[in-house]
Amino acid sequence: MPPLWFGAAGVVTVGTMVSVTHPFKCTVAALALAVGFSIPGGSLRAETLDEMFDALAAAGPEEAGRIESRIVDQWSRSGSASMDLLLQRGSDALDEGDPQAAIEHFTAAIDHDPGFAEAYHGRATAYYLLDYYGPAIDDLRETLVLEPRHFGAMRGLAVMFEELGMTEEALEVYRRIMDIHPNFEAVGPSMERLEQELRGRTL
């Protein structure tokens, strides 16, 4: 999954995933993980996220990056030491090029707390790297059930829809991302490319 997900302070990347042979998947997975780890928050936290998302939608490119980092920071707090450990082990496994081990760690996190969105998001990344598109899409959809504004999960869905030839579905997801995060990296060009592709089909 993709620049849903680019670098922000304190996030996990997969820059050393040399054992994965598909370079696009390496890039996409690294970007996907850069969204961070989210948590089910209380009313105060939810209100704070609402304010940040409102600001994100109205911000210019430079300010949007800072706001995104704050959102990522909120998503990165599990509130549980055991959950943090499982998530860290999963992300470390991805960074080391071992998506199968990552699946085991993220699955353990889901068993520990089925309501934790980022465990599904991390496992989706691992499934994607193994070409398990069905389970990856299922986990991204579950991420969005738990966190409907998760632009990282949306980007992952859009990328997989593209790879599966589902151009209209991918474009719909990209448009949803733009409603939430208008300055999200690479989404605008991706939309333009898909719109051109669809126009070409109608000629």
Foldseek 3Di string as FASTA:
>chain_A
DALLADAAPPWFFQVQLVVQDDVVLNHRLRRLRRQAAAEDDDPVLVVVVVVLLVCLLVDDQVVNNVSSNVNRVNRHDHVDPVLNVLQVQLSVCSSHNNLVSSLVSLVVSCVVPVLTLVSLSSNLSSCVSVVVNVSSLVSLVSSCVNPVLSSSSLQVVLVVCVVVVVLVVSLVSLVVNCSRHVNRPPSVVSNVVSVVVVVVVVD
